[in-house]
C-alpha atoms as a PDB file:
ATOM      1  CA  MET A   1       8.769-128.877  39.739  1.00  0.00           C
ATOM      2  CA  THR A   2      12.058-126.999  39.925  1.00  0.00           C
ATOM      3  CA  ARG A   3      12.635-124.886  36.851  1.00  0.00           C
ATOM      4  CA  ARG A   4      16.430-124.984  36.804  1.00  0.00           C
ATOM      5  CA  VAL A   5      17.051-123.153  33.532  1.00  0.00           C
ATOM      6  CA  GLU A   6      14.589-120.387  34.337  1.00  0.00           C
ATOM      7  CA  ALA A   7      16.117-119.921  37.807  1.00  0.00           C
ATOM      8  CA  ALA A   8      19.645-119.784  36.355  1.00  0.00           C
ATOM      9  CA  VAL A   9      18.645-117.259  33.684  1.00  0.00           C
ATOM     10  CA  ARG A  10      16.635-115.069  36.066  1.00  0.00           C
ATOM     11  CA  GLY A  11      19.555-115.076  38.494  1.00  0.00           C
ATOM     12  CA  SER A  12      22.048-113.918  35.886  1.00  0.00           C
ATOM     13  CA  VAL A  13      20.333-111.396  33.583  1.00  0.00           C
ATOM     14  CA  HIS A  14      17.988-108.430  33.769  1.00  0.00           C
ATOM     15  CA  ALA A  15      15.911-106.432  31.301  1.00  0.00           C
ATOM     16  CA  GLY A  16      18.065-104.074  29.261  1.00  0.00           C
ATOM     17  CA  MET A  17      21.234-106.157  29.691  1.00  0.00           C
ATOM     18  CA  THR A  18      23.410-106.644  26.590  1.00  0.00           C
ATOM     19  CA  LEU A  19      24.980-110.002  25.722  1.00  0.00           C
ATOM     20  CA  PHE A  20      26.965-111.058  22.639  1.00  0.00           C
ATOM     21  CA  THR A  21      26.632-113.955  20.203  1.00  0.00           C
ATOM     22  CA  PRO A  22      29.292-116.659  20.523  1.00  0.00           C
ATOM     23  CA  THR A  23      31.294-116.359  17.297  1.00  0.00           C
ATOM     24  CA  GLN A  24      30.468-113.035  15.669  1.00  0.00           C
ATOM     25  CA  ARG A  25      30.198-111.144  18.983  1.00  0.00           C
ATOM     26  CA  LYS A  26      27.044-109.357  17.790  1.00  0.00           C
ATOM     27  CA  PRO A  27      25.160-107.599  20.604  1.00  0.00           C
ATOM     28  CA  PHE A  28      21.613-108.410  21.634  1.00  0.00           C
ATOM     29  CA  GLN A  29      19.529-107.363  24.597  1.00  0.00           C
ATOM     30  CA  ILE A  30      17.311-108.921  27.190  1.00  0.00           C
ATOM     31  CA  GLY A  31      13.897-107.356  26.630  1.00  0.00           C
ATOM     32  CA  SER A  32      11.905-108.745  29.545  1.00  0.00           C
ATOM     33  CA  LEU A  33      11.572-111.720  31.858  1.00  0.00           C
ATOM     34  CA  ASN A  34       7.907-112.676  32.028  1.00  0.00           C
ATOM     35  CA  PRO A  35       6.048-115.448  33.873  1.00  0.00           C
ATOM     36  CA  ASN A  36       5.815-117.623  30.728  1.00  0.00           C
ATOM     37  CA  ASP A  37       8.736-116.445  28.604  1.00  0.00           C
ATOM     38  CA  ILE A  38      11.835-114.360  28.132  1.00  0.00           C
ATOM     39  CA  VAL A  39      11.950-111.756  25.378  1.00  0.00           C
ATOM     40  CA  LEU A  40      15.242-111.272  23.537  1.00  0.00           C
ATOM     41  CA  LEU A  41      15.777-108.225  21.318  1.00  0.00           C
ATOM     42  CA  LEU A  42      17.703-109.561  18.335  1.00  0.00           C
ATOM     43  CA  GLY A  43      19.639-108.022  15.478  1.00  0.00           C
ATOM     44  CA  GLU A  44      20.067-104.444  14.383  1.00  0.00           C
ATOM     45  CA  MET A  45      16.308-103.881  14.507  1.00  0.00           C
ATOM     46  CA  LYS A  46      16.111-105.351  18.034  1.00  0.00           C
ATOM     47  CA  THR A  47      13.317-107.630  16.923  1.00  0.00           C
ATOM     48  CA  PRO A  48      11.419-108.944  19.973  1.00  0.00           C
ATOM     49  CA  THR A  49      11.642-112.728  20.105  1.00  0.00           C
ATOM     50  CA  HIS A  50       9.672-114.634  22.757  1.00  0.00           C
ATOM     51  CA  LEU A  51      11.139-117.888  24.071  1.00  0.00           C
ATOM     52  CA  GLU A  52       8.913-119.834  26.425  1.00  0.00           C
ATOM     53  CA  TRP A  53      10.474-121.100  29.630  1.00  0.00           C
ATOM     54  CA  ASP A  54       9.091-124.576  28.874  1.00  0.00           C
ATOM     55  CA  CYS A  55      11.167-124.653  25.687  1.00  0.00           C
ATOM     56  CA  LEU A  56      14.334-123.551  27.474  1.00  0.00           C
ATOM     57  CA  GLU A  57      13.722-126.091  30.252  1.00  0.00           C
ATOM     58  CA  GLY A  58      13.919-128.884  27.666  1.00  0.00           C
ATOM     59  CA  ILE A  59      17.427-127.963  26.543  1.00  0.00           C
ATOM     60  CA  PRO A  60      19.309-129.852  29.310  1.00  0.00           C
ATOM     61  CA  ASP A  61      17.464-133.083  28.437  1.00  0.00           C
ATOM     62  CA  TYR A  62      18.068-132.516  24.728  1.00  0.00           C
ATOM     63  CA  LEU A  63      21.784-131.834  25.146  1.00  0.00           C
ATOM     64  CA  GLY A  64      22.175-134.525  27.801  1.00  0.00           C
ATOM     65  CA  SER A  65      20.741-137.127  25.441  1.00  0.00           C
ATOM     66  CA  LYS A  66      23.563-136.362  22.991  1.00  0.00           C
ATOM     67  CA  ALA A  67      26.409-137.003  25.508  1.00  0.00           C
ATOM     68  CA  ARG A  68      28.802-134.888  23.440  1.00  0.00           C
ATOM     69  CA  TRP A  69      29.360-131.398  22.113  1.00  0.00           C
ATOM     70  CA  VAL A  70      26.335-130.348  20.034  1.00  0.00           C
ATOM     71  CA  GLU A  71      26.647-127.915  17.146  1.00  0.00           C
ATOM     72  CA  ILE A  72      24.765-124.651  17.698  1.00  0.00           C
ATOM     73  CA  GLY A  73      23.888-124.627  13.993  1.00  0.00           C
ATOM     74  CA  GLY A  74      21.899-121.413  13.590  1.00  0.00           C
ATOM     75  CA  ARG A  75      20.331-121.539  10.119  1.00  0.00           C
ATOM     76  CA  TYR A  76      18.144-118.865   8.617  1.00  0.00           C
ATOM     77  CA  LYS A  77      15.803-121.518   7.211  1.00  0.00           C
ATOM     78  CA  VAL A  78      12.538-122.938   8.493  1.00  0.00           C
ATOM     79  CA  GLU A  79      14.044-126.305   9.387  1.00  0.00           C
ATOM     80  CA  GLY A  80      17.158-126.774  11.486  1.00  0.00           C
ATOM     81  CA  THR A  81      20.023-129.128  10.732  1.00  0.00           C
ATOM     82  CA  PRO A  82      19.297-132.379  12.614  1.00  0.00           C
ATOM     83  CA  ASP A  83      21.036-132.898  15.977  1.00  0.00           C
ATOM     84  CA  THR A  84      21.800-129.193  16.495  1.00  0.00           C
ATOM     85  CA  LEU A  85      20.604-126.737  19.113  1.00  0.00           C
ATOM     86  CA  ASP A  86      18.985-124.847  16.224  1.00  0.00           C
ATOM     87  CA  ALA A  87      16.901-127.911  15.304  1.00  0.00           C
ATOM     88  CA  TYR A  88      15.663-128.218  18.882  1.00  0.00           C
ATOM     89  CA  LEU A  89      14.779-124.522  19.101  1.00  0.00           C
ATOM     90  CA  LYS A  90      12.984-124.531  15.731  1.00  0.00           C
ATOM     91  CA  GLY A  91      10.454-126.809  17.447  1.00  0.00           C
ATOM     92  CA  CYS A  92       9.660-123.884  19.767  1.00  0.00           C
ATOM     93  CA  VAL A  93      10.061-120.747  17.681  1.00  0.00           C
ATOM     94  CA  ASN A  94      10.054-120.357  13.902  1.00  0.00           C
ATOM     95  CA  ARG A  95      13.228-118.323  13.524  1.00  0.00           C
ATOM     96  CA  ALA A  96      16.976-118.681  13.955  1.00  0.00           C
ATOM     97  CA  THR A  97      17.704-118.152  17.660  1.00  0.00           C
ATOM     98  CA  ALA A  98      20.358-120.753  18.494  1.00  0.00           C
ATOM     99  CA  GLY A  99      23.397-118.444  18.745  1.00  0.00           C
ATOM    100  CA  TRP A 100      21.573-115.983  20.954  1.00  0.00           C
ATOM    101  CA  VAL A 101      20.100-118.710  23.151  1.00  0.00           C
ATOM    102  CA  ALA A 102      23.517-120.361  23.470  1.00  0.00           C
ATOM    103  CA  ALA A 103      25.017-117.058  24.620  1.00  0.00           C
ATOM    104  CA  LEU A 104      22.172-116.541  27.114  1.00  0.00           C
ATOM    105  CA  LEU A 105      22.528-120.050  28.532  1.00  0.00           C
ATOM    106  CA  ALA A 106      26.313-119.775  28.726  1.00  0.00           C
ATOM    107  CA  HIS A 107      25.974-116.515  30.654  1.00  0.00           C
ATOM    108  CA  ALA A 108      23.557-118.287  33.021  1.00  0.00           C
ATOM    109  CA  GLY A 109      25.937-121.228  33.548  1.00  0.00           C
ATOM    110  CA  VAL A 110      23.725-123.804  31.841  1.00  0.00           C
ATOM    111  CA  VAL A 111      26.044-124.541  28.907  1.00  0.00           C
ATOM    112  CA  GLU A 112      29.598-123.929  27.878  1.00  0.00           C
ATOM    113  CA  ILE A 113      30.491-122.897  24.348  1.00  0.00           C
ATOM    114  CA  ARG A 114      33.340-124.088  22.172  1.00  0.00           C
ATOM    115  CA  GLY A 115      33.423-120.970  20.067  1.00  0.00           C
ATOM    116  CA  GLU A 116      35.275-121.736  16.884  1.00  0.00           C
ATOM    117  CA  ARG A 117      33.179-121.970  13.722  1.00  0.00           C
ATOM    118  CA  PRO A 118      31.075-123.936  13.717  1.00  0.00           C
ATOM    119  CA  ALA A 119      30.415-123.334  17.416  1.00  0.00           C
ATOM    120  CA  PHE A 120      29.285-126.090  19.768  1.00  0.00           C
ATOM    121  CA  VAL A 121      27.638-126.283  23.198  1.00  0.00           C
ATOM    122  CA  ARG A 122      27.448-128.831  25.979  1.00  0.00           C
ATOM    123  CA  LEU A 123      25.964-128.778  29.443  1.00  0.00           C
ATOM    124  CA  THR A 124      28.094-127.456  32.273  1.00  0.00           C
ATOM    125  CA  THR A 125      28.941-130.059  34.902  1.00  0.00           C
ATOM    126  CA  THR A 126      26.357-128.495  37.220  1.00  0.00           C
ATOM    127  CA  PHE A 127      23.540-129.090  34.753  1.00  0.00           C
ATOM    128  CA  ALA A 128      24.878-132.402  33.435  1.00  0.00           C
ATOM    129  CA  HIS A 129      24.811-134.013  36.890  1.00  0.00           C
ATOM    130  CA  GLU A 130      21.478-132.808  38.243  1.00  0.00           C
END
């Protein structure tokens, strides 16, 4: 099985690279790219956050099923707001990661971001048509 998201991310980032959140432009770093996950270093404390490739691979199907712009919706609560990227990601990791993941996926060419507040994402044409 082709792992499109993983290939796009691996081809566009490297450990130690700094990216920025979509609306607040807060920096975060790529910690490592492992066989089963990517580690993002988030916030001022650079808290290591593991995101499994399997979770990230499900994002194109999730966004594609919406057929519209989807709110990023990062909430610092256990549950995400329904129909947001945050809600999808909360099924994979129990913390707010949506803004950082959106920035990562935009850098990799998987999604595009409409960056006003609230910010929204949708698949790029490359990922929407594969």
